[in-house]
Protein backbone atom coordinates (compact mmCIF):
# COMPACT_ATOMS: atom_id res chain seq x y z
CA VAL A 1 -77.04 -94.72 191.30
CA ASN A 2 -76.93 -98.42 191.90
CA LYS A 3 -73.83 -100.59 192.29
CA THR A 4 -74.09 -102.02 188.76
CA LEU A 5 -74.04 -98.56 187.22
CA SER A 6 -71.07 -97.56 189.37
CA THR A 7 -69.19 -100.59 188.07
CA ILE A 8 -70.07 -99.72 184.47
CA LEU A 9 -69.06 -96.07 184.86
CA PHE A 10 -65.71 -96.99 186.39
CA LYS A 11 -64.62 -98.19 182.96
CA GLU A 12 -66.07 -95.29 180.96
CA SER A 13 -64.77 -91.90 179.89
CA ALA A 14 -64.95 -88.77 182.00
CA CYS A 15 -67.47 -87.32 179.56
CA VAL A 16 -69.82 -90.30 179.97
CA ASN A 17 -69.58 -89.86 183.74
CA LYS A 18 -70.31 -86.14 183.47
CA ILE A 19 -73.47 -86.79 181.47
CA VAL A 20 -74.65 -89.37 184.01
CA GLN A 21 -74.09 -86.81 186.77
CA TYR A 22 -76.04 -84.27 184.72
CA ILE A 23 -78.91 -86.77 184.40
CA GLN A 24 -78.85 -87.48 188.14
CA LEU A 25 -79.01 -83.79 188.99
CA ASN A 26 -81.67 -82.87 186.41
CA LEU A 27 -84.00 -85.87 186.31
CA LYS A 28 -87.36 -84.67 187.61
CA TYR A 29 -89.14 -86.51 190.39
CA ASN A 30 -91.07 -89.60 189.26
CA THR A 31 -90.14 -89.27 185.61
CA ASP A 32 -88.14 -91.50 183.33
CA ASN A 33 -87.26 -88.92 180.72
CA ILE A 34 -84.98 -85.94 180.35
CA ILE A 35 -84.03 -83.35 177.78
CA ILE A 36 -80.36 -83.66 176.79
CA LYS A 37 -79.14 -80.94 174.43
CA PRO A 38 -75.57 -81.62 173.27
CA ASN A 39 -74.78 -77.93 172.65
CA GLU A 40 -75.74 -77.02 176.22
CA LEU A 41 -73.59 -79.84 177.59
CA CYS A 42 -70.64 -78.63 175.52
CA ASP A 43 -70.84 -75.27 177.24
CA LEU A 44 -71.55 -76.73 180.67
CA PHE A 45 -68.69 -79.24 180.60
CA ASN A 46 -66.33 -77.25 178.37
CA GLU A 47 -66.22 -80.27 176.03
CA ASP A 48 -66.04 -80.61 172.28
CA LYS A 49 -69.36 -81.56 170.63
CA SER A 50 -67.83 -84.75 169.22
CA ASN A 51 -66.95 -85.90 172.77
CA ILE A 52 -70.49 -85.19 173.94
CA SER A 53 -71.98 -87.03 170.97
CA LYS A 54 -69.72 -90.03 171.54
CA ALA A 55 -70.63 -90.10 175.23
CA ILE A 56 -74.36 -89.97 174.48
CA LYS A 57 -73.92 -92.75 171.93
CA ARG A 58 -72.04 -94.80 174.52
CA LEU A 59 -74.80 -94.30 177.11
CA LYS A 60 -77.28 -95.58 174.53
CA GLU A 61 -75.07 -98.62 173.86
CA LEU A 62 -74.95 -99.30 177.59
CA ASN A 63 -78.75 -99.11 177.72
CA ILE A 64 -78.64 -96.31 180.27
CA ILE A 65 -80.58 -93.92 178.03
CA THR A 66 -82.71 -94.38 174.92
CA ARG A 67 -83.64 -91.60 172.57
CA ALA A 68 -87.42 -91.20 172.57
CA VAL A 69 -87.69 -91.06 168.79
CA ASP A 70 -85.81 -94.39 168.56
CA ILE A 71 -88.59 -96.20 170.39
CA ASP A 72 -91.30 -97.52 168.11
CA GLN A 73 -92.82 -100.13 170.44
CA PHE A 74 -95.47 -97.61 171.44
CA LYS A 75 -96.60 -94.17 170.34
CA THR A 76 -95.52 -91.37 172.63
CA GLY A 77 -96.53 -88.42 170.51
CA VAL A 78 -93.08 -87.02 171.28
CA THR A 79 -91.42 -84.91 168.63
CA ASN A 80 -88.56 -83.45 170.68
CA LYS A 81 -85.31 -84.85 169.28
CA TYR A 82 -83.55 -84.10 172.58
CA LEU A 83 -85.87 -86.22 174.71
CA TYR A 84 -84.35 -89.38 176.18
CA PHE A 85 -85.81 -92.09 178.37
CA VAL A 86 -83.61 -93.00 181.32
CA ASN A 87 -83.32 -96.64 182.34
CA SER A 88 -84.85 -96.50 185.80
CA ASN A 89 -82.98 -99.69 186.74
CA TYR A 90 -79.86 -97.51 186.82
CA ILE A 91 -81.01 -93.96 187.62
CA PHE A 92 -84.27 -92.96 189.25
CA ASN A 93 -85.52 -90.08 191.35
CA GLY A 94 -88.81 -90.80 193.02
CA ASN A 95 -91.27 -93.49 193.99
CA ALA A 96 -90.96 -96.53 191.67
CA GLU A 97 -94.47 -97.76 192.46
CA GLU A 98 -95.99 -94.41 191.51
CA LEU A 99 -93.99 -94.33 188.27
CA GLU A 100 -95.13 -97.84 187.32
CA LYS A 101 -98.75 -96.94 188.04
CA ASP A 102 -98.48 -93.78 185.93
CA TRP A 103 -96.79 -95.73 183.15
CA TYR A 104 -99.59 -98.30 182.96
CA GLU A 105 -102.22 -95.56 183.02
CA GLN A 106 -100.54 -93.91 180.01
CA TYR A 107 -99.45 -96.90 177.96
CA GLY A 108 -101.65 -99.81 178.99
CA ASN A 109 -100.71 -103.38 179.77
CA SER A 110 -97.24 -104.91 179.82
CA ASP A 111 -97.56 -105.99 176.16
CA ASN A 112 -96.87 -102.36 175.22
CA LYS A 113 -94.02 -101.91 177.68
CA CYS A 114 -90.53 -101.41 176.36
CA ASP A 115 -88.58 -103.66 178.70
CA ASN A 116 -85.25 -102.33 177.45
CA LEU A 117 -85.68 -98.98 179.18
């Protein structure tokens, strides 16, 4: 987690922080996406579903995560409503150069890139 994210999280709810920790612990190497199932997080964190939903919404507002089905700049072929892209400027596990190379192989030139991720 970078310094900017730490500053952002300092002002956020405990539930937002828990979800960020969950992302950090479960983000696979060299990927920018993760499955986030609210019902599972409710059980894991012993939180009400409305708190989890509000925290996920807040993370989207902060541009830390973006729901995959919300992105229409390029076609992912993704149908999983629980799939989120993680802003690798804030949270990343792996080799950034390898991820960028893989990204361009999959999605082409920078004209197709969603710079808000």
